[in-house]
Protein backbone atom coordinates (compact mmCIF):
# COMPACT_ATOMS: atom_id res chain seq x y z
CA UNK A 1 -85.20 36.52 62.64
CA UNK A 2 -84.33 40.30 60.86
CA UNK A 3 -81.96 42.13 60.62
CA UNK A 4 -80.90 44.84 59.75
CA UNK A 5 -78.16 46.88 59.13
CA UNK A 6 -76.38 50.15 58.64
CA UNK A 7 -79.92 51.41 57.12
CA UNK A 8 -80.40 55.45 55.41
CA UNK A 9 -83.15 56.43 53.54
CA UNK A 10 -83.62 60.06 52.61
CA UNK A 11 -86.34 62.07 51.02
CA UNK A 12 -84.98 64.28 48.92
CA UNK A 13 -82.67 66.22 51.05
CA UNK A 14 -83.86 64.78 54.46
CA UNK A 15 -82.56 62.31 55.90
CA UNK A 16 -85.13 59.78 57.76
CA UNK A 17 -83.29 57.10 58.62
CA UNK A 18 -79.60 57.28 59.55
CA UNK A 19 -77.55 53.92 60.30
CA UNK A 20 -79.93 52.68 61.43
CA UNK A 21 -78.63 48.76 62.98
CA UNK A 22 -81.70 46.54 65.71
CA UNK A 23 -82.16 43.21 65.24
CA UNK A 24 -85.68 41.49 66.01
CA UNK A 25 -85.50 38.17 67.68
CA UNK A 26 -87.47 35.12 65.97
CA UNK A 27 -91.34 34.44 67.34
CA UNK A 28 -91.60 38.02 69.63
CA UNK A 29 -94.30 40.56 69.68
CA UNK A 30 -91.84 43.91 68.94
CA UNK A 31 -93.15 47.18 69.75
CA UNK A 32 -91.39 50.70 67.32
CA UNK A 33 -91.77 53.51 68.97
CA UNK A 34 -90.97 56.99 68.28
CA UNK A 35 -92.56 60.44 68.00
CA UNK A 36 -94.50 61.60 64.36
CA UNK A 37 -92.11 62.04 62.02
CA UNK A 38 -88.86 59.31 64.11
CA UNK A 39 -89.27 57.35 60.34
CA UNK A 40 -91.62 54.87 61.68
CA UNK A 41 -92.99 53.99 58.94
CA UNK A 42 -90.43 54.05 56.62
CA UNK A 43 -88.55 51.47 58.81
CA UNK A 44 -91.39 49.57 58.24
CA UNK A 45 -91.78 49.91 54.74
CA UNK A 46 -88.10 49.34 53.91
CA UNK A 47 -88.88 45.82 55.49
CA UNK A 48 -91.45 44.48 53.36
CA UNK A 49 -89.20 46.13 50.30
CA UNK A 50 -91.90 48.84 49.33
CA UNK A 51 -88.81 51.30 49.52
CA UNK A 52 -85.74 50.68 48.53
CA UNK A 53 -83.02 52.33 51.06
CA UNK A 54 -79.62 54.00 49.66
CA UNK A 55 -77.45 52.49 51.83
CA UNK A 56 -77.43 49.37 54.07
CA UNK A 57 -79.70 46.08 54.01
CA UNK A 58 -82.36 44.30 55.91
CA UNK A 59 -81.88 40.49 56.20
CA UNK A 60 -85.22 38.08 56.58
CA UNK A 61 -83.91 34.62 57.82
CA UNK A 62 -80.56 35.33 56.79
CA UNK A 63 -82.18 36.27 53.52
CA UNK A 64 -82.05 40.07 52.01
CA UNK A 65 -85.33 40.78 51.20
CA UNK A 66 -84.71 43.00 48.54
CA UNK A 67 -86.32 41.98 45.07
CA UNK A 68 -86.49 38.47 47.17
CA UNK A 69 -89.99 37.25 46.42
CA UNK A 70 -89.88 34.24 48.65
CA UNK A 71 -89.15 36.40 51.34
CA UNK A 72 -91.41 38.56 50.83
CA UNK A 73 -94.42 35.54 50.64
CA UNK A 74 -93.63 35.29 54.79
CA UNK A 75 -93.92 38.87 55.26
CA UNK A 76 -97.43 40.60 55.31
CA UNK A 77 -97.18 44.46 55.93
CA UNK A 78 -100.40 46.32 57.15
CA UNK A 79 -99.71 50.41 55.96
CA UNK A 80 -101.70 52.99 58.62
CA UNK A 81 -103.86 53.47 55.25
CA UNK A 82 -103.55 50.29 53.37
CA UNK A 83 -104.40 50.68 49.59
CA UNK A 84 -107.49 49.04 48.00
CA UNK A 85 -109.08 49.73 44.90
CA UNK A 86 -112.67 51.45 44.23
CA UNK A 87 -115.18 48.90 44.27
CA UNK A 88 -112.98 46.41 46.25
CA UNK A 89 -114.50 44.19 49.12
CA UNK A 90 -112.78 42.08 51.89
CA UNK A 91 -114.28 39.17 49.80
CA UNK A 92 -112.58 40.02 46.90
CA UNK A 93 -109.61 41.12 49.11
CA UNK A 94 -109.38 37.76 51.12
CA UNK A 95 -109.46 35.57 47.58
CA UNK A 96 -106.56 37.38 46.66
CA UNK A 97 -104.54 36.85 49.58
CA UNK A 98 -105.39 33.07 49.48
CA UNK A 99 -103.45 33.08 46.46
CA UNK A 100 -100.12 34.18 48.25
CA UNK A 101 -100.41 33.27 51.75
CA UNK A 102 -101.13 30.23 53.84
CA UNK A 103 -104.46 31.25 54.62
CA UNK A 104 -106.77 29.83 56.95
CA UNK A 105 -110.44 30.33 56.25
CA UNK A 106 -111.55 29.21 59.52
CA UNK A 107 -109.10 32.10 61.18
CA UNK A 108 -110.49 34.57 58.62
CA UNK A 109 -114.39 33.57 59.25
CA UNK A 110 -113.93 33.68 63.15
CA UNK A 111 -112.47 37.08 62.96
CA UNK A 112 -114.56 38.39 60.49
CA UNK A 113 -117.85 37.53 62.96
CA UNK A 114 -115.68 38.65 65.94
CA UNK A 115 -115.59 42.11 64.06
CA UNK A 116 -118.22 42.30 62.60
CA UNK A 117 -117.05 42.66 59.07
CA UNK A 118 -119.16 43.49 55.95
CA UNK A 119 -117.67 41.08 53.00
CA UNK A 120 -119.53 42.03 50.10
CA UNK A 121 -119.60 46.09 50.62
CA UNK A 122 -117.21 48.53 49.18
CA UNK A 123 -114.13 49.46 51.35
CA UNK A 124 -114.13 52.34 50.46
CA UNK A 125 -117.56 53.10 52.27
CA UNK A 126 -116.20 51.88 55.62
CA UNK A 127 -115.12 53.80 58.70
CA UNK A 128 -111.45 54.04 59.44
CA UNK A 129 -111.87 51.69 62.69
CA UNK A 130 -114.00 49.77 60.04
CA UNK A 131 -111.16 49.30 57.72
CA UNK A 132 -108.63 48.97 60.44
CA UNK A 133 -110.74 45.72 61.60
CA UNK A 134 -111.58 44.42 57.96
CA UNK A 135 -107.68 44.26 57.49
CA UNK A 136 -106.75 43.25 60.75
CA UNK A 137 -108.44 40.05 59.81
CA UNK A 138 -107.61 39.43 56.51
CA UNK A 139 -104.07 39.70 58.14
CA UNK A 140 -104.39 37.22 60.60
CA UNK A 141 -105.90 34.66 58.37
CA UNK A 142 -103.25 35.27 56.22
CA UNK A 143 -100.88 33.45 59.46
CA UNK A 144 -97.69 35.58 58.19
CA UNK A 145 -94.09 34.42 59.09
CA UNK A 146 -93.83 37.77 59.90
CA UNK A 147 -96.36 40.57 60.28
CA UNK A 148 -95.62 44.49 59.76
CA UNK A 149 -98.32 46.86 61.39
CA UNK A 150 -98.17 50.20 61.38
CA UNK A 151 -100.29 51.93 63.73
CA UNK A 152 -101.61 48.95 64.73
CA UNK A 153 -105.22 50.16 67.28
CA UNK A 154 -105.32 53.58 65.57
CA UNK A 155 -109.24 53.75 64.77
CA UNK A 156 -110.39 50.08 67.35
CA UNK A 157 -112.36 50.51 70.58
CA UNK A 158 -111.44 49.32 73.46
CA UNK A 159 -113.13 45.69 72.34
CA UNK A 160 -111.40 45.36 69.05
CA UNK A 161 -108.24 46.39 70.95
CA UNK A 162 -108.23 43.66 73.22
CA UNK A 163 -109.06 41.04 70.21
CA UNK A 164 -106.43 42.23 68.09
CA UNK A 165 -103.66 42.06 70.98
CA UNK A 166 -105.61 38.28 71.88
CA UNK A 167 -105.28 37.66 68.08
CA UNK A 168 -101.60 38.97 68.44
CA UNK A 169 -100.42 36.35 70.93
CA UNK A 170 -102.47 33.39 69.35
CA UNK A 171 -100.68 33.82 65.64
CA UNK A 172 -97.22 33.95 67.83
CA UNK A 173 -98.13 31.02 69.68
CA UNK A 174 -99.24 29.04 66.43
CA UNK A 175 -96.98 29.80 64.13
CA UNK A 176 -94.60 31.38 65.12
CA UNK A 177 -95.03 34.70 64.00
CA UNK A 178 -93.06 37.69 64.51
CA UNK A 179 -94.62 40.91 64.74
CA UNK A 180 -93.38 44.27 64.63
CA UNK A 181 -95.86 46.66 65.62
CA UNK A 182 -95.77 50.94 65.61
CA UNK A 183 -98.52 52.39 68.07
CA UNK A 184 -98.75 55.74 69.46
CA UNK A 185 -100.87 53.28 72.38
CA UNK A 186 -97.88 52.48 74.31
CA UNK A 187 -99.99 50.52 76.68
CA UNK A 188 -101.28 48.66 74.75
CA UNK A 189 -97.16 47.30 73.26
CA UNK A 190 -96.86 46.96 77.10
CA UNK A 191 -99.37 44.42 77.59
CA UNK A 192 -98.20 42.43 74.79
CA UNK A 193 -94.43 42.88 73.60
CA UNK A 194 -91.64 41.69 75.32
CA UNK A 195 -89.16 44.07 72.87
CA UNK A 196 -88.84 47.52 72.02
CA UNK A 197 -86.46 49.79 70.21
CA UNK A 198 -87.33 53.81 70.11
CA UNK A 199 -86.38 56.06 67.01
CA UNK A 200 -85.32 59.46 67.26
CA UNK A 201 -83.44 61.73 64.61
CA UNK A 202 -83.02 58.93 62.28
CA UNK A 203 -81.27 56.36 64.92
CA UNK A 204 -82.67 53.54 67.11
CA UNK A 205 -81.66 56.25 70.79
CA UNK A 206 -82.77 52.95 72.58
CA UNK A 207 -83.73 49.30 72.44
CA UNK A 208 -84.45 46.17 74.32
CA UNK A 209 -86.65 44.33 76.78
CA UNK A 210 -89.60 46.17 77.98
CA UNK A 211 -89.68 44.43 81.61
CA UNK A 212 -86.25 45.50 81.91
CA UNK A 213 -86.35 48.83 81.04
CA UNK A 214 -88.72 49.33 83.26
CA UNK A 215 -86.87 47.82 86.18
CA UNK A 216 -84.14 50.15 85.17
CA UNK A 217 -86.44 52.92 86.17
CA UNK A 218 -88.29 54.04 89.77
CA UNK A 219 -90.80 56.60 90.45
CA UNK A 220 -91.02 57.70 94.12
CA UNK A 221 -93.31 60.34 96.06
CA UNK A 222 -91.60 62.40 98.44
CA UNK A 223 -92.84 64.66 101.16
CA UNK A 224 -90.85 67.17 103.29
CA UNK A 225 -91.19 69.29 106.15
CA UNK A 226 -90.89 72.13 104.22
CA UNK A 227 -91.02 72.89 100.17
CA UNK A 228 -89.41 70.24 98.04
CA UNK A 229 -86.62 71.44 95.26
CA UNK A 230 -84.51 69.58 92.85
CA UNK A 231 -81.19 70.27 94.95
CA UNK A 232 -82.73 68.21 97.14
CA UNK A 233 -82.72 65.01 95.44
CA UNK A 234 -78.97 64.20 95.51
CA UNK A 235 -78.80 62.13 92.09
CA UNK A 236 -79.96 62.30 88.62
CA UNK A 237 -83.49 62.29 87.65
CA UNK A 238 -85.26 61.57 84.26
CA UNK A 239 -88.44 63.71 85.32
CA UNK A 240 -88.92 66.11 88.96
CA UNK A 241 -92.23 67.70 90.01
CA UNK A 242 -92.85 69.36 92.99
CA UNK A 243 -95.70 70.92 94.41
CA UNK A 244 -95.23 72.75 98.02
CA UNK A 245 -93.77 70.13 100.51
CA UNK A 246 -94.81 67.06 97.96
CA UNK A 247 -92.47 65.73 94.95
CA UNK A 248 -92.36 63.09 92.44
CA UNK A 249 -89.26 61.93 90.17
CA UNK A 250 -87.92 59.54 88.02
CA UNK A 251 -84.79 58.15 88.07
CA UNK A 252 -82.62 55.10 87.02
CA UNK A 253 -80.73 52.97 89.18
CA UNK A 254 -81.03 50.49 92.20
CA UNK A 255 -83.84 50.97 94.51
CA UNK A 256 -82.54 50.47 97.60
CA UNK A 257 -79.92 52.73 96.90
CA UNK A 258 -82.19 55.36 96.07
CA UNK A 259 -83.88 55.39 99.12
CA UNK A 260 -80.77 55.18 101.26
CA UNK A 261 -79.53 58.68 99.31
CA UNK A 262 -83.10 60.52 100.56
CA UNK A 263 -82.61 59.63 104.33
CA UNK A 264 -80.84 62.25 105.55
CA UNK A 265 -83.80 64.44 104.06
CA UNK A 266 -86.15 62.67 106.94
CA UNK A 267 -88.71 62.15 104.39
CA UNK A 268 -92.10 62.57 105.85
CA UNK A 269 -93.35 60.17 103.63
CA UNK A 270 -91.67 58.25 100.81
CA UNK A 271 -93.10 55.92 98.21
CA UNK A 272 -92.43 53.99 95.26
CA UNK A 273 -95.08 54.67 92.27
CA UNK A 274 -95.11 51.77 89.37
CA UNK A 275 -93.91 53.27 86.13
CA UNK A 276 -96.04 52.21 82.86
CA UNK A 277 -94.12 52.16 79.49
CA UNK A 278 -95.85 55.19 78.10
CA UNK A 279 -94.93 57.24 81.40
CA UNK A 280 -91.13 55.79 80.37
CA UNK A 281 -91.06 56.91 77.09
CA UNK A 282 -92.97 60.23 77.78
CA UNK A 283 -89.69 61.50 80.12
CA UNK A 284 -87.37 59.52 77.18
CA UNK A 285 -88.87 62.30 74.16
CA UNK A 286 -89.12 65.33 77.14
CA UNK A 287 -85.20 64.54 77.89
CA UNK A 288 -84.41 64.85 74.32
CA UNK A 289 -86.64 68.35 73.95
CA UNK A 290 -89.30 67.49 72.43
CA UNK A 291 -92.36 67.88 75.20
CA UNK A 292 -92.55 70.62 77.28
């Protein structure tokens, strides 16, 4: 289990994280979301003990991460743009990781084949997608107890994204890995993650179970015999859009109560539309004034 307690981090005068507290359960695939600059990368680097906080602490399996070599051997951190020396090859990286992690050569060979990783070509000659596939192969082969992935799906084509998702699910099932994944590809996170945390303004604005969060919101399309206006909807909406006599809105609450409240309008059409995690996220950030 990862426990984050009262964590704060600044870069000069800019406060990036402010008294952040969060618990990530064992064996979970956990999505870390937020707009650019929300602090996702900083939080992952703090978890990996790459950065040091001004205050607060991070515990993994009840032990502090800071300066704890034993704990850090259970953690694999893959940043958005990993460092590598000029002549480094994937073959050399694999040899290095074998000295630190319970490296599985069979898993490495399998994913190297799936992603068509070039073993002896310098990594600096790879495209962004090829680099990501190479480092994902290494991460999966290291069989870590905790895997921290920053922008996990960035640069991957649809087939590679599918294979990565399969690999992460398999890693959880086979070694009980807890994976914390930051990504702007929210549909990918919805496919595999159970929990999530939304970073906003340096704090955790929302956190919980993705399925539960989606069950608590409902999207409807409604048509009236006259133009629809916002005042027609007798409750608070997360979003509302109208075009003439037809409108779509998203609201929190019980489905039956929402439908019942709309009946006095005598709608010509009232149908529910599925809300996905990305749409819910966009509604949340719009409500905070980031998108128009």
